[in-house]
N, C-alpha and C. Protein backbone atom coordinates (compact mmCIF):
# COMPACT_ATOMS: atom_id res chain seq x y z
N UNK A 1 226.59 97.86 89.77
CA UNK A 1 225.32 98.55 89.97
C UNK A 1 224.27 97.58 90.51
N UNK A 2 224.29 96.35 90.02
CA UNK A 2 223.30 95.37 90.49
C UNK A 2 223.43 95.12 91.99
N UNK A 3 224.65 95.07 92.51
CA UNK A 3 224.86 94.86 93.93
C UNK A 3 224.34 96.05 94.75
N UNK A 4 224.55 97.26 94.24
CA UNK A 4 224.06 98.46 94.92
C UNK A 4 222.53 98.42 94.99
N UNK A 5 221.89 98.09 93.88
CA UNK A 5 220.43 98.03 93.84
C UNK A 5 219.92 96.95 94.79
N UNK A 6 220.59 95.81 94.83
CA UNK A 6 220.20 94.72 95.74
C UNK A 6 220.28 95.18 97.19
N UNK A 7 221.35 95.87 97.56
CA UNK A 7 221.51 96.39 98.92
C UNK A 7 220.46 97.45 99.23
N UNK A 8 220.14 98.27 98.26
CA UNK A 8 219.13 99.31 98.42
C UNK A 8 217.79 98.70 98.81
N UNK A 9 217.44 97.59 98.19
CA UNK A 9 216.17 96.92 98.49
C UNK A 9 216.16 96.31 99.88
N UNK A 10 217.32 96.04 100.46
CA UNK A 10 217.39 95.52 101.82
C UNK A 10 217.22 96.64 102.85
N UNK A 11 217.64 97.86 102.49
CA UNK A 11 217.62 98.98 103.41
C UNK A 11 216.29 99.72 103.39
N UNK A 12 215.73 99.93 102.20
CA UNK A 12 214.52 100.73 102.03
C UNK A 12 213.32 99.85 101.73
N UNK A 13 212.13 100.35 102.13
CA UNK A 13 210.89 99.75 101.66
C UNK A 13 210.51 100.58 100.44
N UNK A 14 210.45 99.94 99.27
CA UNK A 14 210.24 100.64 98.01
C UNK A 14 208.92 100.25 97.37
N UNK A 15 208.36 101.16 96.59
CA UNK A 15 207.07 100.94 95.92
C UNK A 15 207.29 100.40 94.51
N UNK A 16 206.29 99.72 93.99
CA UNK A 16 206.35 99.22 92.61
C UNK A 16 205.83 100.23 91.60
N UNK A 17 205.23 101.30 92.09
CA UNK A 17 204.70 102.34 91.21
C UNK A 17 205.34 103.68 91.60
N UNK A 18 205.23 104.64 90.71
CA UNK A 18 205.71 105.99 91.00
C UNK A 18 204.64 106.96 90.52
N UNK A 19 204.21 107.84 91.42
CA UNK A 19 203.19 108.83 91.08
C UNK A 19 203.67 110.22 91.51
N UNK A 20 202.99 111.23 91.02
CA UNK A 20 203.30 112.60 91.40
C UNK A 20 203.21 112.73 92.92
N UNK A 21 204.20 113.37 93.52
CA UNK A 21 204.23 113.53 94.97
C UNK A 21 205.11 112.51 95.68
N UNK A 22 205.53 111.47 94.97
CA UNK A 22 206.41 110.46 95.57
C UNK A 22 207.82 111.00 95.74
N UNK A 23 208.48 110.51 96.76
CA UNK A 23 209.91 110.73 96.94
C UNK A 23 210.60 109.50 96.35
N UNK A 24 211.55 109.73 95.46
CA UNK A 24 212.28 108.62 94.85
C UNK A 24 213.73 108.68 95.29
N UNK A 25 214.36 107.51 95.29
CA UNK A 25 215.79 107.44 95.54
C UNK A 25 216.44 107.22 94.18
N UNK A 26 217.48 107.98 93.90
CA UNK A 26 218.20 107.89 92.63
C UNK A 26 219.63 107.44 92.93
N UNK A 27 220.03 106.34 92.30
CA UNK A 27 221.38 105.83 92.47
C UNK A 27 222.11 106.03 91.15
N UNK A 28 223.32 106.59 91.23
CA UNK A 28 224.17 106.72 90.05
C UNK A 28 225.45 105.94 90.29
N UNK A 29 225.93 105.30 89.23
CA UNK A 29 227.12 104.47 89.37
C UNK A 29 228.40 105.30 89.30
N UNK A 30 228.45 106.29 88.37
CA UNK A 30 229.64 107.11 88.21
C UNK A 30 229.25 108.58 88.15
N UNK A 31 229.53 109.40 89.13
CA UNK A 31 230.15 109.00 90.39
C UNK A 31 229.14 108.26 91.25
N UNK A 32 229.60 107.35 92.08
CA UNK A 32 228.71 106.56 92.91
C UNK A 32 228.05 107.47 93.92
N UNK A 33 226.73 107.61 93.81
CA UNK A 33 226.00 108.49 94.73
C UNK A 33 224.55 108.04 94.87
N UNK A 34 223.94 108.55 95.92
CA UNK A 34 222.53 108.30 96.20
C UNK A 34 221.90 109.66 96.48
N UNK A 35 220.81 109.97 95.79
CA UNK A 35 220.13 111.25 95.92
C UNK A 35 218.63 111.00 96.02
N UNK A 36 217.95 111.89 96.71
CA UNK A 36 216.49 111.84 96.77
C UNK A 36 215.93 112.92 95.84
N UNK A 37 214.71 112.66 95.35
CA UNK A 37 214.01 113.66 94.54
C UNK A 37 212.52 113.54 94.77
N UNK A 38 211.83 114.65 94.60
CA UNK A 38 210.37 114.69 94.66
C UNK A 38 209.85 114.67 93.23
N UNK A 39 208.94 113.76 92.93
CA UNK A 39 208.32 113.73 91.60
C UNK A 39 207.25 114.82 91.58
N UNK A 40 207.41 115.79 90.66
CA UNK A 40 206.46 116.90 90.60
C UNK A 40 205.52 116.83 89.41
N UNK A 41 205.74 115.89 88.49
CA UNK A 41 204.81 115.77 87.38
C UNK A 41 205.28 114.82 86.30
N UNK A 42 204.32 114.42 85.46
CA UNK A 42 204.57 113.56 84.31
C UNK A 42 203.86 114.16 83.11
N UNK A 43 204.52 114.12 81.97
CA UNK A 43 203.89 114.55 80.73
C UNK A 43 204.33 113.59 79.62
N UNK A 44 203.36 113.09 78.89
CA UNK A 44 203.64 112.12 77.82
C UNK A 44 204.47 112.78 76.74
N UNK A 45 205.51 112.09 76.25
CA UNK A 45 206.32 112.58 75.14
C UNK A 45 205.71 112.02 73.86
N UNK A 46 204.91 112.83 73.18
CA UNK A 46 204.20 112.38 71.97
C UNK A 46 205.11 112.31 70.75
N UNK A 47 206.33 112.84 70.84
CA UNK A 47 207.26 112.81 69.70
C UNK A 47 207.87 111.43 69.49
N UNK A 48 207.80 110.59 70.51
CA UNK A 48 208.38 109.24 70.41
C UNK A 48 207.28 108.22 70.16
N UNK A 49 207.64 107.15 69.46
CA UNK A 49 206.65 106.11 69.15
C UNK A 49 206.35 105.24 70.36
N UNK A 50 207.38 104.93 71.15
CA UNK A 50 207.17 104.12 72.34
C UNK A 50 206.61 104.99 73.46
N UNK A 51 206.32 104.37 74.60
CA UNK A 51 205.78 105.11 75.74
C UNK A 51 206.91 105.75 76.54
N UNK A 52 207.16 107.03 76.28
CA UNK A 52 208.16 107.81 76.98
C UNK A 52 207.45 108.95 77.71
N UNK A 53 208.02 109.36 78.84
CA UNK A 53 207.42 110.40 79.67
C UNK A 53 208.47 111.45 80.02
N UNK A 54 208.03 112.71 80.10
CA UNK A 54 208.86 113.77 80.65
C UNK A 54 208.55 113.76 82.16
N UNK A 55 209.51 113.32 82.95
CA UNK A 55 209.33 113.19 84.40
C UNK A 55 209.98 114.41 85.05
N UNK A 56 209.14 115.23 85.69
CA UNK A 56 209.64 116.42 86.38
C UNK A 56 210.06 116.03 87.79
N UNK A 57 211.29 116.41 88.15
CA UNK A 57 211.86 116.06 89.44
C UNK A 57 212.36 117.31 90.15
N UNK A 58 212.21 117.33 91.45
CA UNK A 58 212.84 118.35 92.30
C UNK A 58 213.91 117.59 93.08
N UNK A 59 215.17 117.70 92.63
CA UNK A 59 216.25 117.01 93.33
C UNK A 59 216.42 117.62 94.71
N UNK A 60 216.42 116.79 95.73
CA UNK A 60 216.52 117.26 97.11
C UNK A 60 218.00 117.33 97.50
N UNK A 61 218.69 118.23 96.83
CA UNK A 61 220.11 118.46 97.05
C UNK A 61 220.29 119.86 97.61
N UNK A 62 221.51 120.24 97.89
CA UNK A 62 221.77 121.60 98.35
C UNK A 62 222.61 122.29 97.28
N UNK A 63 222.09 123.26 96.58
CA UNK A 63 220.71 123.74 96.63
C UNK A 63 219.79 122.79 95.85
N UNK A 64 218.47 122.83 96.15
CA UNK A 64 217.52 122.01 95.40
C UNK A 64 217.55 122.38 93.91
N UNK A 65 217.33 121.38 93.06
CA UNK A 65 217.38 121.61 91.61
C UNK A 65 216.16 121.01 90.94
N UNK A 66 215.56 121.78 90.04
CA UNK A 66 214.47 121.26 89.23
C UNK A 66 215.05 120.72 87.94
N UNK A 67 214.54 119.56 87.52
CA UNK A 67 215.01 118.97 86.27
C UNK A 67 213.89 118.15 85.65
N UNK A 68 214.01 117.86 84.38
CA UNK A 68 213.06 117.00 83.68
C UNK A 68 213.86 115.94 82.95
N UNK A 69 213.56 114.68 83.22
CA UNK A 69 214.21 113.57 82.53
C UNK A 69 213.17 112.88 81.66
N UNK A 70 213.54 112.46 80.48
CA UNK A 70 212.65 111.73 79.58
C UNK A 70 212.95 110.25 79.75
N UNK A 71 211.97 109.52 80.32
CA UNK A 71 212.16 108.13 80.70
C UNK A 71 210.96 107.28 80.30
N UNK A 72 211.20 105.99 80.17
CA UNK A 72 210.11 105.04 79.99
C UNK A 72 209.63 104.58 81.36
N UNK A 73 208.41 104.06 81.43
CA UNK A 73 207.83 103.64 82.70
C UNK A 73 208.72 102.66 83.46
N UNK A 74 209.29 101.62 82.82
CA UNK A 74 210.16 100.71 83.59
C UNK A 74 211.38 101.40 84.18
N UNK A 75 211.79 102.51 83.61
CA UNK A 75 212.96 103.22 84.11
C UNK A 75 212.66 104.02 85.37
N UNK A 76 211.50 104.71 85.43
CA UNK A 76 211.22 105.52 86.61
C UNK A 76 210.45 104.77 87.69
N UNK A 77 210.19 103.49 87.47
CA UNK A 77 209.54 102.67 88.50
C UNK A 77 210.47 101.59 89.06
N UNK A 78 211.75 101.68 88.74
CA UNK A 78 212.72 100.75 89.29
C UNK A 78 212.71 99.36 88.71
N UNK A 79 212.08 99.19 87.55
CA UNK A 79 212.04 97.88 86.92
C UNK A 79 213.32 97.59 86.14
N UNK A 80 214.08 98.65 85.84
CA UNK A 80 215.33 98.42 85.12
C UNK A 80 216.35 99.51 85.43
N UNK A 81 217.61 99.14 85.33
CA UNK A 81 218.71 100.09 85.41
C UNK A 81 218.85 100.67 84.00
N UNK A 82 219.10 101.97 83.90
CA UNK A 82 219.22 102.61 82.59
C UNK A 82 220.44 103.51 82.58
N UNK A 83 220.79 104.01 81.41
CA UNK A 83 221.93 104.90 81.30
C UNK A 83 221.49 106.28 80.81
N UNK A 84 222.19 107.29 81.30
CA UNK A 84 222.04 108.67 80.84
C UNK A 84 223.45 109.20 80.66
N UNK A 85 223.79 109.59 79.44
CA UNK A 85 225.13 110.08 79.17
C UNK A 85 226.20 109.03 79.42
N UNK A 86 225.84 107.77 79.27
CA UNK A 86 226.78 106.68 79.48
C UNK A 86 226.92 106.22 80.92
N UNK A 87 226.25 106.91 81.87
CA UNK A 87 226.31 106.55 83.28
C UNK A 87 225.05 105.79 83.70
N UNK A 88 225.23 104.68 84.42
CA UNK A 88 224.09 103.89 84.87
C UNK A 88 223.36 104.61 86.00
N UNK A 89 222.02 104.48 85.97
CA UNK A 89 221.17 105.09 86.99
C UNK A 89 220.04 104.13 87.34
N UNK A 90 219.50 104.33 88.55
CA UNK A 90 218.37 103.52 89.03
C UNK A 90 217.48 104.45 89.85
N UNK A 91 216.17 104.39 89.60
CA UNK A 91 215.20 105.23 90.31
C UNK A 91 214.07 104.35 90.81
N UNK A 92 213.67 104.56 92.06
CA UNK A 92 212.51 103.85 92.60
C UNK A 92 211.91 104.67 93.74
N UNK A 93 210.58 104.65 93.84
CA UNK A 93 209.87 105.41 94.87
C UNK A 93 210.00 104.74 96.23
N UNK A 94 210.19 105.56 97.25
CA UNK A 94 210.31 105.08 98.62
C UNK A 94 208.91 105.01 99.23
N UNK A 95 208.63 103.92 99.94
CA UNK A 95 207.34 103.73 100.62
C UNK A 95 207.53 104.10 102.08
N UNK A 96 207.01 105.26 102.48
CA UNK A 96 207.17 105.73 103.86
C UNK A 96 206.08 105.22 104.79
N UNK A 97 205.06 104.58 104.27
CA UNK A 97 203.94 104.14 105.09
C UNK A 97 204.06 102.66 105.40
N UNK A 98 203.91 102.33 106.69
CA UNK A 98 203.97 100.93 107.09
C UNK A 98 202.68 100.23 106.69
N UNK A 99 202.78 98.99 106.25
CA UNK A 99 201.57 98.26 105.87
C UNK A 99 200.72 97.97 107.10
N UNK A 100 199.42 97.95 106.90
CA UNK A 100 198.49 97.62 107.98
C UNK A 100 198.67 96.15 108.35
N UNK A 101 198.71 95.87 109.63
CA UNK A 101 198.79 94.48 110.08
C UNK A 101 197.61 94.20 110.98
N UNK A 102 197.10 93.00 110.89
CA UNK A 102 195.98 92.61 111.73
C UNK A 102 196.51 92.20 113.09
N UNK A 103 195.90 92.73 114.14
CA UNK A 103 196.31 92.41 115.51
C UNK A 103 195.15 91.74 116.22
N UNK A 104 195.45 90.91 117.20
CA UNK A 104 194.36 90.31 117.99
C UNK A 104 193.56 91.40 118.69
N UNK A 105 192.29 91.11 118.98
CA UNK A 105 191.40 92.11 119.59
C UNK A 105 191.94 92.66 120.90
N UNK A 106 192.63 91.84 121.68
CA UNK A 106 193.15 92.29 122.97
C UNK A 106 194.16 93.43 122.77
N UNK A 107 194.86 93.43 121.68
CA UNK A 107 195.86 94.48 121.43
C UNK A 107 195.24 95.73 120.82
N UNK A 108 194.00 95.65 120.35
CA UNK A 108 193.37 96.82 119.73
C UNK A 108 193.16 97.95 120.72
N UNK A 109 193.05 97.64 122.03
CA UNK A 109 192.82 98.66 123.04
C UNK A 109 194.11 99.37 123.44
N UNK A 110 195.24 98.81 123.10
CA UNK A 110 196.51 99.44 123.44
C UNK A 110 196.77 100.61 122.49
N UNK A 111 197.61 101.54 122.97
CA UNK A 111 197.98 102.68 122.14
C UNK A 111 198.71 102.19 120.91
N UNK A 112 198.34 102.71 119.76
CA UNK A 112 198.98 102.32 118.51
C UNK A 112 200.39 102.89 118.47
N UNK A 113 201.32 102.09 117.99
CA UNK A 113 202.69 102.55 117.85
C UNK A 113 202.90 102.90 116.39
N UNK A 114 202.38 104.04 116.00
CA UNK A 114 202.44 104.45 114.61
C UNK A 114 203.31 105.67 114.41
N UNK A 115 204.03 106.05 115.46
CA UNK A 115 204.86 107.24 115.33
C UNK A 115 204.12 108.50 115.77
N UNK A 116 202.81 108.39 116.02
CA UNK A 116 202.03 109.54 116.48
C UNK A 116 201.94 109.49 117.99
N UNK A 117 202.19 110.58 118.65
CA UNK A 117 202.11 110.58 120.12
C UNK A 117 200.67 110.43 120.58
N UNK A 118 200.51 109.78 121.73
CA UNK A 118 199.18 109.64 122.32
C UNK A 118 198.79 110.98 122.95
N UNK A 119 197.53 111.34 122.86
CA UNK A 119 197.05 112.58 123.47
C UNK A 119 196.57 112.31 124.87
N UNK A 120 196.86 113.23 125.80
CA UNK A 120 196.35 113.10 127.15
C UNK A 120 195.88 114.48 127.61
N UNK A 121 194.90 114.46 128.47
CA UNK A 121 194.37 115.70 129.02
C UNK A 121 195.20 116.07 130.24
N UNK A 122 195.72 117.27 130.27
CA UNK A 122 196.54 117.76 131.39
C UNK A 122 195.79 118.94 131.99
N UNK A 123 195.51 118.86 133.31
CA UNK A 123 194.78 119.95 133.97
C UNK A 123 195.66 120.66 134.94
């Protein structure tokens, strides 16, 4: 599992935090799979003494599935590999936004390559 997580960090740009609305990647060891999910909410589990959360997920599978997992913060932020039903799992939020980079002033006049098409007037 550690090797899979290491490779995952080479392929994806991942966040250190997880908030409602984030897309997370979920890796399971047995069966070995990778799934995406949308975080739809968090609710504190007051029945436990430690800091546990009911994490609502919309698994982006076919068909999509709603589920709630009870996890600690280090578990749903990718700080640790954890087990559910004896199977190892890893969850971390994907960062879809490129970091801002400073460019020289001469390049500021060029069209930004941000994935957005440039607009032009057509007559």
